[in-house]
Amino acid sequence: MIAMKKIAVLGSGTVGEVLANGLLKYGYEVMRGTRESSKLADWHAKAGSYASVGSFEEAARFGDVVVLAVKGSVSEELVKSLASALDGKTVIDATNPIADAAPEHGVLKFFTGPNDSLMERLQSAAPGAYFVKAFSCVGNPFMVNPDFGGQTPTMFICGNSAAAKQQVSTILRQFGWDIEDMGAVTAARAIEPLCMLWCIPGMTRGSWTHAFKLLRK
């Protein structure tokens, strides 16, 4: 694995902005990838000298590590188009397979099934990359330095490469998380639905200020 100095963040939405700003805070060079650079003009103007904006392919080739922070429904097609640029790189997968359908009693609908996950599809789309699931089980206000009154929440990760998971864990520790490695990419089948669980209190009661914590005896 190569050193982490330059990190690409693919996506022009709020999750991409939060993670890009967090990475800049800890001294990384960050290029955000987007289909429309004009969407990120205001961010770029304020983000400082370590920040830049490019196309998805330019960003993917720039980054020593790549963060995937696009809408889940477009992520597989995007990853296929970038497979050669992602080859040999750690890809932090922050996506969830949320369907374009209304929630039912506060429960989001996914376009994957119980024996499938979006990250498995992404890994198949770019087999030379090292995908690591992270940031998918909490809302974006808490992704960087979450403050829960002295309690450190748990970020659940998975992926096939131990070295890639070590790289991602370095960032997660800088961001103030405990880390629980759930194993191979198949474990994304269990991690991704945590997004559903996290959203239920918000959808049903307007309560969005929470995170998960794994306790051991």
Protein backbone atom coordinates (compact mmCIF):
# COMPACT_ATOMS: atom_id res chain seq x y z
CA MET A 1 0.00 0.00 0.00
CA ILE A 2 1.15 3.53 -0.82
CA ALA A 3 1.32 6.40 1.65
CA MET A 4 -1.73 8.55 2.20
CA LYS A 5 -0.93 12.13 1.28
CA LYS A 6 -3.43 12.88 -1.46
CA ILE A 7 -7.05 11.83 -1.08
CA ALA A 8 -9.81 12.04 -3.66
CA VAL A 9 -13.40 12.55 -2.59
CA LEU A 10 -15.87 11.62 -5.31
CA GLY A 11 -19.17 13.41 -4.93
CA SER A 12 -20.40 16.99 -4.72
CA GLY A 13 -23.00 16.43 -1.98
CA THR A 14 -22.97 17.07 1.75
CA VAL A 15 -21.26 13.80 2.70
CA GLY A 16 -18.43 14.54 0.28
CA GLU A 17 -18.08 18.05 1.67
CA VAL A 18 -18.00 16.91 5.30
CA LEU A 19 -15.39 14.23 4.62
CA ALA A 20 -13.29 16.50 2.40
CA ASN A 21 -13.25 19.20 5.07
CA GLY A 22 -12.33 16.64 7.71
CA LEU A 23 -9.43 15.38 5.63
CA LEU A 24 -8.21 18.92 5.00
CA LYS A 25 -8.38 19.56 8.73
CA TYR A 26 -5.90 16.74 9.30
CA GLY A 27 -3.44 17.90 6.67
CA TYR A 28 -4.30 15.82 3.61
CA GLU A 29 -4.35 17.22 0.09
CA VAL A 30 -7.90 16.74 -1.19
CA MET A 31 -9.31 16.79 -4.70
CA ARG A 32 -13.08 16.54 -5.00
CA GLY A 33 -14.36 14.81 -8.09
CA THR A 34 -17.60 15.88 -9.73
CA ARG A 35 -19.41 15.89 -13.06
CA GLU A 36 -20.04 19.64 -12.72
CA SER A 37 -17.14 21.61 -11.27
CA SER A 38 -19.34 24.70 -10.95
CA LYS A 39 -21.19 22.97 -8.12
CA LEU A 40 -18.03 23.07 -6.03
CA ALA A 41 -16.83 26.59 -6.90
CA ASP A 42 -17.89 28.08 -3.57
CA TRP A 43 -16.36 25.21 -1.59
CA HIS A 44 -13.11 25.43 -3.55
CA ALA A 45 -12.87 29.18 -2.96
CA LYS A 46 -13.05 28.70 0.81
CA ALA A 47 -11.27 25.36 1.28
CA GLY A 48 -7.66 26.53 1.15
CA SER A 49 -4.49 25.76 -0.80
CA TYR A 50 -4.61 22.00 -0.17
CA ALA A 51 -7.98 21.70 -1.90
CA SER A 52 -8.75 21.25 -5.59
CA VAL A 53 -11.58 20.17 -7.87
CA GLY A 54 -11.53 17.94 -10.93
CA SER A 55 -13.51 15.43 -12.91
CA PHE A 56 -14.24 12.04 -11.39
CA GLU A 57 -11.39 10.49 -13.35
CA GLU A 58 -8.94 13.28 -12.53
CA ALA A 59 -9.73 12.93 -8.85
CA ALA A 60 -9.52 9.13 -8.89
CA ARG A 61 -6.08 9.29 -10.48
CA PHE A 62 -4.96 12.05 -8.09
CA GLY A 63 -5.78 10.24 -4.88
CA ASP A 64 -3.54 7.82 -3.02
CA VAL A 65 -6.85 6.88 -1.38
CA VAL A 66 -10.29 7.48 -2.88
CA VAL A 67 -13.50 8.21 -0.95
CA LEU A 68 -16.70 7.22 -2.74
CA ALA A 69 -19.44 9.59 -1.55
CA VAL A 70 -21.96 9.58 -4.38
CA LYS A 71 -25.58 8.46 -4.45
CA GLY A 72 -25.74 4.70 -4.10
CA SER A 73 -27.89 4.25 -7.18
CA VAL A 74 -25.21 5.74 -9.47
CA SER A 75 -22.15 4.34 -7.70
CA GLU A 76 -21.81 1.03 -9.56
CA GLU A 77 -21.83 2.65 -12.99
CA LEU A 78 -19.33 5.27 -11.82
CA VAL A 79 -16.97 2.70 -10.33
CA LYS A 80 -17.05 0.64 -13.55
CA SER A 81 -16.06 3.72 -15.54
CA LEU A 82 -13.16 4.42 -13.15
CA ALA A 83 -11.92 0.86 -12.67
CA SER A 84 -8.50 1.45 -14.22
CA ALA A 85 -7.96 4.66 -12.24
CA LEU A 86 -8.88 2.86 -9.01
CA ASP A 87 -6.64 -0.13 -9.63
CA GLY A 88 -4.40 -0.84 -6.63
CA LYS A 89 -5.96 1.89 -4.48
CA THR A 90 -7.91 1.85 -1.24
CA VAL A 91 -11.47 3.01 -1.83
CA ILE A 92 -13.48 4.13 1.20
CA ASP A 93 -17.07 3.24 0.40
CA ALA A 94 -19.45 5.60 2.18
CA THR A 95 -22.44 4.70 0.00
CA ASN A 96 -25.70 2.97 0.87
CA PRO A 97 -28.07 1.18 -1.54
CA ILE A 98 -31.06 3.43 -0.84
CA ALA A 99 -33.83 2.93 -3.38
CA ASP A 100 -35.73 5.76 -5.03
CA ALA A 101 -38.86 4.89 -3.06
CA ALA A 102 -40.60 6.30 -0.02
CA PRO A 103 -39.71 4.85 3.39
CA GLU A 104 -42.26 2.54 4.99
CA HIS A 105 -43.05 3.41 8.63
CA GLY A 106 -39.68 5.15 8.79
CA VAL A 107 -37.76 2.25 7.24
CA LEU A 108 -35.75 3.06 4.14
CA LYS A 109 -36.01 0.77 1.14
CA PHE A 110 -32.86 -0.73 -0.38
CA PHE A 111 -32.31 -1.95 -3.92
CA THR A 112 -30.16 -4.82 -2.63
CA GLY A 113 -31.34 -7.95 -0.84
CA PRO A 114 -30.31 -9.63 2.43
CA ASN A 115 -27.71 -11.82 0.72
CA ASP A 116 -26.23 -9.02 -1.34
CA SER A 117 -24.63 -5.64 -0.70
CA LEU A 118 -23.74 -2.59 -2.71
CA MET A 119 -20.09 -2.82 -1.73
CA GLU A 120 -19.87 -6.37 -3.09
CA ARG A 121 -21.19 -5.05 -6.40
CA LEU A 122 -18.66 -2.22 -6.34
CA GLN A 123 -15.80 -4.59 -5.58
CA SER A 124 -16.84 -6.71 -8.55
CA ALA A 125 -17.02 -3.61 -10.74
CA ALA A 126 -13.41 -2.66 -9.89
CA PRO A 127 -11.70 -5.92 -8.84
CA GLY A 128 -8.26 -4.31 -8.72
CA ALA A 129 -9.29 -1.81 -6.04
CA TYR A 130 -9.41 -2.42 -2.28
CA PHE A 131 -12.83 -1.41 -1.02
CA VAL A 132 -13.43 -0.67 2.65
CA LYS A 133 -16.90 0.13 3.94
CA ALA A 134 -16.94 3.11 6.33
CA PHE A 135 -19.06 6.16 7.23
CA SER A 136 -22.25 4.42 6.07
CA CYS A 137 -23.84 3.87 9.49
CA VAL A 138 -24.05 7.46 10.79
CA GLY A 139 -25.33 10.82 9.60
CA ASN A 140 -22.92 13.29 8.07
CA PRO A 141 -22.96 15.76 11.04
CA PHE A 142 -21.16 13.09 13.12
CA MET A 143 -18.70 11.68 10.58
CA VAL A 144 -15.80 13.84 11.75
CA ASN A 145 -14.99 14.20 15.47
CA PRO A 146 -18.39 13.09 16.77
CA ASP A 147 -19.21 14.55 20.19
CA PHE A 148 -21.39 12.37 22.40
CA GLY A 149 -20.40 13.69 25.80
CA GLY A 150 -17.20 11.72 26.17
CA GLN A 151 -18.54 8.48 24.69
CA THR A 152 -16.69 7.35 21.57
CA PRO A 153 -18.99 5.78 18.97
CA THR A 154 -18.12 2.73 16.88
CA MET A 155 -17.51 2.75 13.15
CA PHE A 156 -18.09 -0.65 11.58
CA ILE A 157 -15.80 -1.43 8.66
CA CYS A 158 -15.18 -4.37 6.35
CA GLY A 159 -13.14 -5.24 3.28
CA ASN A 160 -10.92 -7.93 1.80
CA SER A 161 -7.57 -6.17 2.33
CA ALA A 162 -6.09 -5.91 5.82
CA ALA A 163 -3.65 -3.23 4.62
CA ALA A 164 -6.47 -1.12 3.17
CA LYS A 165 -8.43 -1.42 6.40
CA GLN A 166 -5.36 -0.21 8.30
CA GLN A 167 -5.22 2.87 6.07
CA VAL A 168 -8.89 3.60 6.64
CA SER A 169 -8.51 3.00 10.38
CA THR A 170 -5.78 5.66 10.52
CA ILE A 171 -8.25 8.22 9.16
CA LEU A 172 -11.06 7.01 11.43
CA ARG A 173 -8.89 7.38 14.53
CA GLN A 174 -7.96 10.90 13.46
CA PHE A 175 -11.68 11.58 13.09
CA GLY A 176 -12.31 10.33 16.64
CA TRP A 177 -13.86 6.89 16.13
CA ASP A 178 -13.57 3.49 17.72
CA ILE A 179 -13.28 0.89 14.98
CA GLU A 180 -14.78 -2.56 14.68
CA ASP A 181 -13.48 -4.65 11.79
CA MET A 182 -16.25 -7.02 10.75
CA GLY A 183 -14.15 -8.96 8.25
CA ALA A 184 -14.41 -9.45 4.50
CA VAL A 185 -16.47 -7.52 1.97
CA THR A 186 -19.40 -9.88 2.55
CA ALA A 187 -19.96 -8.23 5.94
CA ALA A 188 -21.26 -5.17 4.09
CA ARG A 189 -24.53 -7.14 3.92
CA ALA A 190 -24.83 -6.49 7.66
CA ILE A 191 -23.23 -3.03 7.86
CA GLU A 192 -25.23 -1.33 5.12
CA PRO A 193 -28.63 -1.99 6.79
CA LEU A 194 -27.38 -0.09 9.84
CA CYS A 195 -28.22 2.97 7.76
CA MET A 196 -31.86 1.88 7.91
CA LEU A 197 -31.67 1.44 11.66
CA TRP A 198 -29.89 4.77 12.19
CA CYS A 199 -32.58 6.62 10.21
CA ILE A 200 -35.66 5.18 11.93
CA PRO A 201 -35.57 7.49 15.00
CA GLY A 202 -35.16 10.46 12.68
CA MET A 203 -37.89 9.39 10.29
CA THR A 204 -40.40 8.57 13.03
CA ARG A 205 -39.51 11.00 15.86
CA GLY A 206 -37.28 13.67 14.34
CA SER A 207 -34.32 12.44 16.41
CA TRP A 208 -31.08 12.42 14.43
CA THR A 209 -28.41 12.93 17.13
CA HIS A 210 -27.22 9.40 17.79
CA ALA A 211 -24.60 6.84 16.76
CA PHE A 212 -23.88 3.16 17.39
CA LYS A 213 -21.57 1.82 20.08
CA LEU A 214 -20.39 -1.78 20.39
CA LEU A 215 -20.05 -2.80 24.03
CA ARG A 216 -17.98 -5.71 25.33
CA LYS A 217 -17.93 -7.38 28.69
